[in-house]
N, C-alpha and C. Protein backbone atom coordinates (compact mmCIF):
# COMPACT_ATOMS: atom_id res chain seq x y z
N MET A 1 23.33 -9.98 -32.21
CA MET A 1 24.03 -10.01 -33.47
C MET A 1 23.32 -9.07 -34.44
N LYS A 2 22.45 -9.58 -35.32
CA LYS A 2 21.77 -8.72 -36.29
C LYS A 2 20.72 -7.84 -35.62
N ASN A 3 20.21 -8.30 -34.48
CA ASN A 3 19.18 -7.53 -33.79
C ASN A 3 19.77 -6.57 -32.76
N SER A 4 21.10 -6.53 -32.66
CA SER A 4 21.74 -5.59 -31.75
C SER A 4 21.42 -4.16 -32.17
N PRO A 5 21.26 -3.27 -31.20
CA PRO A 5 21.03 -1.88 -31.58
C PRO A 5 22.32 -1.29 -32.19
N LEU A 6 22.13 -0.37 -33.08
CA LEU A 6 23.24 0.28 -33.76
C LEU A 6 24.17 0.99 -32.77
N SER A 7 23.62 1.44 -31.65
CA SER A 7 24.43 2.12 -30.63
C SER A 7 25.58 1.24 -30.16
N THR A 8 25.38 -0.08 -30.13
CA THR A 8 26.43 -1.01 -29.71
C THR A 8 27.59 -0.97 -30.69
N LEU A 9 27.28 -1.00 -31.97
CA LEU A 9 28.32 -0.93 -33.00
C LEU A 9 29.04 0.42 -32.94
N LEU A 10 28.29 1.51 -32.76
CA LEU A 10 28.89 2.84 -32.73
C LEU A 10 29.91 2.99 -31.60
N HIS A 11 29.67 2.30 -30.47
CA HIS A 11 30.61 2.38 -29.35
C HIS A 11 31.95 1.73 -29.68
N HIS A 12 31.97 0.87 -30.69
CA HIS A 12 33.20 0.19 -31.08
C HIS A 12 33.90 0.86 -32.26
N LYS A 13 33.30 1.90 -32.81
CA LYS A 13 33.88 2.64 -33.93
C LYS A 13 34.55 3.91 -33.42
N PRO A 14 35.58 4.37 -34.13
CA PRO A 14 36.12 5.69 -33.77
C PRO A 14 35.01 6.74 -33.92
N ALA A 15 34.99 7.70 -33.02
CA ALA A 15 33.92 8.71 -33.01
C ALA A 15 34.13 9.79 -34.07
N GLU A 16 35.25 9.75 -34.76
CA GLU A 16 35.58 10.77 -35.74
C GLU A 16 34.65 10.72 -36.95
N LEU A 17 34.08 11.87 -37.27
CA LEU A 17 33.21 11.99 -38.44
C LEU A 17 33.83 13.03 -39.38
N TRP A 18 33.86 12.71 -40.66
CA TRP A 18 34.42 13.62 -41.65
C TRP A 18 33.29 14.22 -42.46
N SER A 19 33.38 15.53 -42.65
CA SER A 19 32.33 16.23 -43.39
C SER A 19 32.94 17.27 -44.31
N ILE A 20 32.09 17.77 -45.20
CA ILE A 20 32.49 18.81 -46.14
C ILE A 20 31.33 19.78 -46.32
N ALA A 21 31.67 21.01 -46.61
CA ALA A 21 30.64 22.03 -46.84
C ALA A 21 30.08 21.88 -48.24
N PRO A 22 28.83 22.23 -48.45
CA PRO A 22 28.23 22.10 -49.78
C PRO A 22 28.89 23.01 -50.81
N GLU A 23 29.55 24.08 -50.36
CA GLU A 23 30.21 25.00 -51.28
C GLU A 23 31.57 24.50 -51.74
N ALA A 24 32.10 23.48 -51.08
CA ALA A 24 33.41 22.93 -51.46
C ALA A 24 33.33 22.32 -52.86
N THR A 25 34.47 22.24 -53.51
CA THR A 25 34.48 21.61 -54.83
C THR A 25 34.49 20.09 -54.66
N VAL A 26 34.06 19.41 -55.69
CA VAL A 26 34.08 17.96 -55.69
C VAL A 26 35.53 17.48 -55.57
N PHE A 27 36.45 18.19 -56.18
CA PHE A 27 37.87 17.86 -56.08
C PHE A 27 38.32 17.86 -54.62
N GLU A 28 37.93 18.89 -53.86
CA GLU A 28 38.29 18.97 -52.44
C GLU A 28 37.70 17.79 -51.67
N ALA A 29 36.49 17.40 -52.02
CA ALA A 29 35.85 16.26 -51.35
C ALA A 29 36.60 14.96 -51.64
N ILE A 30 36.92 14.74 -52.90
CA ILE A 30 37.65 13.51 -53.29
C ILE A 30 39.03 13.49 -52.63
N LYS A 31 39.69 14.63 -52.60
CA LYS A 31 41.01 14.73 -51.99
C LYS A 31 40.94 14.37 -50.50
N LEU A 32 39.96 14.92 -49.78
CA LEU A 32 39.79 14.62 -48.36
C LEU A 32 39.50 13.13 -48.14
N MET A 33 38.64 12.57 -48.99
CA MET A 33 38.33 11.14 -48.84
C MET A 33 39.57 10.30 -49.08
N ALA A 34 40.41 10.67 -50.04
CA ALA A 34 41.65 9.93 -50.30
C ALA A 34 42.61 10.04 -49.11
N GLU A 35 42.74 11.25 -48.57
CA GLU A 35 43.63 11.47 -47.41
C GLU A 35 43.20 10.66 -46.20
N LYS A 36 41.91 10.55 -45.98
CA LYS A 36 41.37 9.86 -44.81
C LYS A 36 41.06 8.39 -45.08
N ASN A 37 41.23 7.97 -46.33
CA ASN A 37 40.95 6.59 -46.75
C ASN A 37 39.52 6.18 -46.40
N ILE A 38 38.58 7.04 -46.82
CA ILE A 38 37.16 6.79 -46.56
C ILE A 38 36.39 6.88 -47.87
N GLY A 39 35.17 6.34 -47.90
CA GLY A 39 34.38 6.29 -49.12
C GLY A 39 33.23 7.27 -49.18
N SER A 40 33.07 8.06 -48.10
CA SER A 40 31.97 9.03 -48.11
C SER A 40 32.26 10.17 -47.14
N LEU A 41 31.55 11.26 -47.36
CA LEU A 41 31.63 12.42 -46.47
C LEU A 41 30.23 12.92 -46.17
N LEU A 42 30.02 13.35 -44.95
CA LEU A 42 28.76 14.00 -44.62
C LEU A 42 28.82 15.41 -45.21
N VAL A 43 27.76 15.85 -45.84
CA VAL A 43 27.69 17.22 -46.36
C VAL A 43 26.92 18.01 -45.31
N MET A 44 27.63 18.94 -44.66
CA MET A 44 27.08 19.65 -43.51
C MET A 44 27.16 21.16 -43.72
N SER A 45 26.16 21.85 -43.21
CA SER A 45 26.15 23.31 -43.23
C SER A 45 25.49 23.79 -41.94
N GLY A 46 26.21 24.58 -41.17
CA GLY A 46 25.67 25.09 -39.91
C GLY A 46 25.23 24.00 -38.96
N GLY A 47 25.96 22.90 -38.93
CA GLY A 47 25.62 21.79 -38.04
C GLY A 47 24.46 20.93 -38.54
N ARG A 48 23.94 21.26 -39.72
CA ARG A 48 22.81 20.51 -40.28
C ARG A 48 23.27 19.58 -41.40
N LEU A 49 22.78 18.35 -41.38
CA LEU A 49 23.10 17.37 -42.42
C LEU A 49 22.29 17.68 -43.68
N LEU A 50 23.00 17.88 -44.79
CA LEU A 50 22.34 18.16 -46.07
C LEU A 50 22.36 16.96 -47.00
N GLY A 51 23.32 16.06 -46.79
CA GLY A 51 23.44 14.90 -47.67
C GLY A 51 24.68 14.10 -47.34
N VAL A 52 24.93 13.09 -48.17
CA VAL A 52 26.12 12.27 -48.06
C VAL A 52 26.77 12.24 -49.43
N PHE A 53 28.04 12.63 -49.51
CA PHE A 53 28.79 12.60 -50.76
C PHE A 53 29.59 11.31 -50.78
N THR A 54 29.51 10.55 -51.89
CA THR A 54 30.18 9.27 -51.98
C THR A 54 31.04 9.16 -53.24
N GLU A 55 31.88 8.16 -53.25
CA GLU A 55 32.69 7.88 -54.44
C GLU A 55 31.77 7.60 -55.63
N ARG A 56 30.64 7.00 -55.37
CA ARG A 56 29.67 6.71 -56.43
C ARG A 56 29.15 8.02 -57.04
N ASP A 57 28.91 9.03 -56.20
CA ASP A 57 28.49 10.34 -56.72
C ASP A 57 29.53 10.87 -57.69
N TYR A 58 30.80 10.77 -57.30
CA TYR A 58 31.87 11.27 -58.16
C TYR A 58 31.91 10.51 -59.49
N SER A 59 31.92 9.19 -59.40
CA SER A 59 32.09 8.41 -60.63
C SER A 59 30.91 8.57 -61.59
N ARG A 60 29.70 8.65 -61.06
CA ARG A 60 28.53 8.73 -61.94
C ARG A 60 28.15 10.15 -62.35
N LYS A 61 28.36 11.11 -61.47
CA LYS A 61 27.87 12.46 -61.73
C LYS A 61 28.96 13.44 -62.20
N ILE A 62 30.21 13.03 -62.08
CA ILE A 62 31.31 13.88 -62.54
C ILE A 62 32.07 13.16 -63.65
N ALA A 63 32.74 12.07 -63.32
CA ALA A 63 33.60 11.37 -64.28
C ALA A 63 32.84 10.94 -65.53
N LEU A 64 31.73 10.24 -65.36
CA LEU A 64 30.98 9.74 -66.52
C LEU A 64 30.30 10.83 -67.33
N GLN A 65 30.02 11.97 -66.71
CA GLN A 65 29.35 13.06 -67.42
C GLN A 65 30.33 14.10 -67.93
N GLY A 66 31.62 13.85 -67.74
CA GLY A 66 32.64 14.74 -68.27
C GLY A 66 32.69 16.11 -67.60
N LYS A 67 32.22 16.20 -66.36
CA LYS A 67 32.26 17.47 -65.63
C LYS A 67 33.62 17.63 -64.96
N SER A 68 33.93 18.85 -64.58
CA SER A 68 35.19 19.14 -63.90
C SER A 68 35.00 19.09 -62.39
N SER A 69 35.79 18.25 -61.73
CA SER A 69 35.70 18.15 -60.27
C SER A 69 36.22 19.41 -59.59
N LYS A 70 37.05 20.18 -60.29
CA LYS A 70 37.60 21.40 -59.71
C LYS A 70 36.65 22.58 -59.86
N GLU A 71 35.65 22.45 -60.72
CA GLU A 71 34.69 23.53 -60.94
C GLU A 71 33.31 23.23 -60.37
N THR A 72 33.00 21.97 -60.18
CA THR A 72 31.68 21.57 -59.68
C THR A 72 31.65 21.57 -58.16
N ARG A 73 30.61 22.15 -57.60
CA ARG A 73 30.44 22.20 -56.15
C ARG A 73 29.73 20.94 -55.68
N VAL A 74 30.04 20.51 -54.47
CA VAL A 74 29.43 19.32 -53.88
C VAL A 74 27.90 19.45 -53.91
N ARG A 75 27.38 20.64 -53.59
CA ARG A 75 25.92 20.84 -53.52
C ARG A 75 25.23 20.58 -54.86
N GLU A 76 25.97 20.67 -55.96
CA GLU A 76 25.39 20.48 -57.28
C GLU A 76 25.11 19.01 -57.60
N ILE A 77 25.80 18.11 -56.92
CA ILE A 77 25.63 16.69 -57.27
C ILE A 77 25.16 15.80 -56.14
N VAL A 78 25.21 16.29 -54.91
CA VAL A 78 24.82 15.44 -53.78
C VAL A 78 23.29 15.34 -53.73
N SER A 79 22.82 14.16 -53.44
CA SER A 79 21.38 13.93 -53.33
C SER A 79 20.87 14.57 -52.03
N SER A 80 19.78 15.29 -52.14
CA SER A 80 19.21 15.92 -50.94
C SER A 80 18.33 14.95 -50.16
N GLN A 81 18.03 13.81 -50.76
CA GLN A 81 17.23 12.80 -50.08
C GLN A 81 18.17 11.90 -49.27
N VAL A 82 18.17 12.10 -47.95
CA VAL A 82 19.08 11.38 -47.08
C VAL A 82 18.33 10.27 -46.35
N VAL A 83 18.83 9.06 -46.47
CA VAL A 83 18.30 7.94 -45.70
C VAL A 83 19.14 7.87 -44.44
N SER A 84 18.50 7.98 -43.28
CA SER A 84 19.25 7.97 -42.03
C SER A 84 18.59 7.02 -41.03
N VAL A 85 19.32 6.76 -39.96
CA VAL A 85 18.82 5.88 -38.89
C VAL A 85 19.11 6.54 -37.55
N THR A 86 18.63 5.91 -36.48
CA THR A 86 18.92 6.35 -35.12
C THR A 86 19.75 5.27 -34.44
N PRO A 87 20.35 5.58 -33.31
CA PRO A 87 21.12 4.56 -32.59
C PRO A 87 20.27 3.37 -32.14
N GLN A 88 18.95 3.55 -32.09
CA GLN A 88 18.06 2.47 -31.66
C GLN A 88 17.74 1.47 -32.78
N HIS A 89 18.00 1.82 -34.03
CA HIS A 89 17.77 0.89 -35.13
C HIS A 89 18.66 -0.35 -34.94
N SER A 90 18.18 -1.49 -35.39
CA SER A 90 18.98 -2.70 -35.30
C SER A 90 19.92 -2.79 -36.50
N ILE A 91 20.95 -3.61 -36.37
CA ILE A 91 21.89 -3.86 -37.47
C ILE A 91 21.10 -4.40 -38.67
N GLU A 92 20.15 -5.29 -38.39
CA GLU A 92 19.32 -5.87 -39.45
C GLU A 92 18.49 -4.80 -40.16
N ASP A 93 17.91 -3.87 -39.38
CA ASP A 93 17.15 -2.76 -39.98
C ASP A 93 18.03 -1.95 -40.92
N CYS A 94 19.25 -1.67 -40.48
CA CYS A 94 20.18 -0.88 -41.29
C CYS A 94 20.52 -1.59 -42.59
N MET A 95 20.77 -2.89 -42.52
CA MET A 95 21.08 -3.65 -43.74
C MET A 95 19.89 -3.63 -44.70
N LYS A 96 18.70 -3.76 -44.15
CA LYS A 96 17.50 -3.74 -44.98
C LYS A 96 17.34 -2.37 -45.66
N LEU A 97 17.52 -1.29 -44.90
CA LEU A 97 17.42 0.07 -45.46
C LEU A 97 18.46 0.29 -46.56
N MET A 98 19.67 -0.18 -46.34
CA MET A 98 20.73 -0.02 -47.34
C MET A 98 20.36 -0.76 -48.62
N THR A 99 19.85 -1.96 -48.48
CA THR A 99 19.47 -2.76 -49.64
C THR A 99 18.31 -2.13 -50.39
N GLU A 100 17.27 -1.74 -49.67
CA GLU A 100 16.08 -1.16 -50.30
C GLU A 100 16.37 0.17 -50.99
N ASN A 101 17.26 0.97 -50.40
CA ASN A 101 17.54 2.30 -50.93
C ASN A 101 18.81 2.37 -51.78
N ARG A 102 19.48 1.21 -51.91
CA ARG A 102 20.70 1.12 -52.70
C ARG A 102 21.75 2.14 -52.27
N VAL A 103 21.98 2.21 -50.96
CA VAL A 103 23.00 3.09 -50.40
C VAL A 103 23.99 2.23 -49.60
N ARG A 104 25.19 2.75 -49.45
CA ARG A 104 26.23 2.02 -48.72
C ARG A 104 26.62 2.71 -47.42
N HIS A 105 26.02 3.89 -47.17
CA HIS A 105 26.35 4.67 -45.98
C HIS A 105 25.08 5.23 -45.37
N LEU A 106 24.96 5.12 -44.05
CA LEU A 106 23.81 5.66 -43.33
C LEU A 106 24.26 6.60 -42.23
N PRO A 107 23.86 7.86 -42.30
CA PRO A 107 24.12 8.75 -41.17
C PRO A 107 23.24 8.32 -40.00
N VAL A 108 23.78 8.44 -38.80
CA VAL A 108 23.05 8.09 -37.59
C VAL A 108 22.71 9.40 -36.90
N LEU A 109 21.40 9.66 -36.75
CA LEU A 109 20.92 10.91 -36.16
C LEU A 109 20.23 10.65 -34.83
N GLU A 110 20.48 11.56 -33.90
CA GLU A 110 19.79 11.51 -32.61
C GLU A 110 19.36 12.93 -32.29
N GLY A 111 18.05 13.14 -32.23
CA GLY A 111 17.53 14.48 -31.99
C GLY A 111 17.92 15.46 -33.08
N GLY A 112 18.01 14.99 -34.31
CA GLY A 112 18.38 15.84 -35.44
C GLY A 112 19.87 16.11 -35.58
N LYS A 113 20.67 15.59 -34.64
CA LYS A 113 22.12 15.80 -34.66
C LYS A 113 22.81 14.52 -35.13
N VAL A 114 23.83 14.67 -35.99
CA VAL A 114 24.60 13.52 -36.47
C VAL A 114 25.48 13.00 -35.35
N VAL A 115 25.30 11.72 -35.02
CA VAL A 115 26.11 11.11 -33.96
C VAL A 115 26.99 9.99 -34.50
N GLY A 116 26.86 9.69 -35.79
CA GLY A 116 27.68 8.64 -36.37
C GLY A 116 27.37 8.44 -37.84
N LEU A 117 28.14 7.57 -38.44
CA LEU A 117 27.95 7.18 -39.83
C LEU A 117 28.37 5.73 -39.93
N VAL A 118 27.50 4.89 -40.49
CA VAL A 118 27.85 3.48 -40.65
C VAL A 118 27.84 3.13 -42.13
N SER A 119 28.76 2.26 -42.48
CA SER A 119 28.85 1.78 -43.86
C SER A 119 28.43 0.31 -43.90
N ILE A 120 28.20 -0.17 -45.10
CA ILE A 120 27.86 -1.59 -45.26
C ILE A 120 29.01 -2.45 -44.73
N GLY A 121 30.25 -1.97 -44.90
CA GLY A 121 31.41 -2.69 -44.37
C GLY A 121 31.39 -2.80 -42.86
N ASP A 122 30.98 -1.71 -42.19
CA ASP A 122 30.86 -1.74 -40.73
C ASP A 122 29.88 -2.82 -40.29
N LEU A 123 28.73 -2.88 -40.99
CA LEU A 123 27.68 -3.84 -40.61
C LEU A 123 28.14 -5.27 -40.87
N VAL A 124 28.76 -5.51 -42.00
CA VAL A 124 29.23 -6.86 -42.33
C VAL A 124 30.30 -7.30 -41.33
N ASN A 125 31.24 -6.41 -41.02
CA ASN A 125 32.29 -6.76 -40.05
C ASN A 125 31.69 -7.06 -38.68
N TRP A 126 30.67 -6.29 -38.28
CA TRP A 126 30.01 -6.53 -36.99
C TRP A 126 29.38 -7.91 -36.95
N ILE A 127 28.67 -8.26 -38.01
CA ILE A 127 28.01 -9.56 -38.06
C ILE A 127 29.03 -10.70 -38.05
N ILE A 128 30.11 -10.56 -38.82
CA ILE A 128 31.15 -11.60 -38.84
C ILE A 128 31.77 -11.76 -37.46
N SER A 129 32.07 -10.65 -36.79
CA SER A 129 32.66 -10.72 -35.44
C SER A 129 31.71 -11.39 -34.47
N ALA A 130 30.43 -11.03 -34.55
CA ALA A 130 29.44 -11.63 -33.65
C ALA A 130 29.30 -13.13 -33.92
N GLN A 131 29.31 -13.52 -35.18
CA GLN A 131 29.20 -14.94 -35.52
C GLN A 131 30.43 -15.71 -35.03
N ASN A 132 31.61 -15.12 -35.21
CA ASN A 132 32.84 -15.78 -34.74
C ASN A 132 32.83 -15.95 -33.23
N ALA A 133 32.34 -14.94 -32.51
CA ALA A 133 32.25 -15.04 -31.05
C ALA A 133 31.27 -16.13 -30.64
N ALA A 134 30.14 -16.22 -31.33
CA ALA A 134 29.14 -17.25 -31.02
C ALA A 134 29.70 -18.65 -31.30
N ILE A 135 30.41 -18.80 -32.39
CA ILE A 135 31.01 -20.10 -32.74
C ILE A 135 32.04 -20.49 -31.69
N ALA A 136 32.89 -19.54 -31.29
CA ALA A 136 33.91 -19.83 -30.27
C ALA A 136 33.26 -20.24 -28.96
N GLN A 137 32.18 -19.57 -28.60
CA GLN A 137 31.47 -19.90 -27.36
C GLN A 137 30.87 -21.31 -27.45
N MET A 138 30.29 -21.65 -28.60
CA MET A 138 29.72 -23.00 -28.77
C MET A 138 30.80 -24.06 -28.75
N GLU A 139 31.93 -23.79 -29.38
CA GLU A 139 33.03 -24.76 -29.38
C GLU A 139 33.54 -24.99 -27.96
N GLN A 140 33.63 -23.92 -27.20
CA GLN A 140 34.09 -24.03 -25.82
C GLN A 140 33.08 -24.83 -24.99
N TYR A 141 31.81 -24.59 -25.23
CA TYR A 141 30.74 -25.32 -24.52
C TYR A 141 30.80 -26.81 -24.86
N ILE A 142 30.93 -27.12 -26.15
CA ILE A 142 30.99 -28.51 -26.60
C ILE A 142 32.21 -29.21 -26.02
N ALA A 143 33.32 -28.49 -25.93
CA ALA A 143 34.55 -29.08 -25.40
C ALA A 143 34.52 -29.20 -23.87
N GLY A 144 33.44 -28.69 -23.26
CA GLY A 144 33.30 -28.81 -21.82
C GLY A 144 33.93 -27.67 -21.03
N GLY A 145 34.25 -26.59 -21.73
CA GLY A 145 34.89 -25.46 -21.05
C GLY A 145 33.94 -24.54 -20.33
N VAL A 146 32.65 -24.66 -20.60
CA VAL A 146 31.67 -23.77 -19.98
C VAL A 146 30.64 -24.62 -19.26
N ALA A 147 30.33 -24.27 -18.04
CA ALA A 147 29.32 -25.02 -17.29
C ALA A 147 27.95 -24.76 -17.89
N ALA A 148 27.15 -25.81 -17.94
CA ALA A 148 25.82 -25.69 -18.53
C ALA A 148 24.86 -24.96 -17.65
């Protein structure tokens, strides 16, 4: 459940990753996120992860500061400090990192290459599903459906 490796969760997620170039405008990033119904984009250049652009970046660094999303480039507002994990990290480790660093999205890197992206929603859904499966198994055991 919480101690499961992240690789297990990644196998159950669509492998599609959405990214944007640092030279793109913030408007282009927001438009892509709206089209794909996602809350973040990997900021990539030449196959290298430069950061993660989020709705929070837009609201705090563009909207609240009165900047133009059509004139501001993603590279101007995205944080260069990226908190990332590997497929070997546990779900619990990821939740702890998200809480400590106040982030909602973690890029998953293997050998310096992005192999996934997990959100706090992904982790919560995984834990709920695992708990529901455990409860169903216990109920079946109690009802005598499973041999001891």
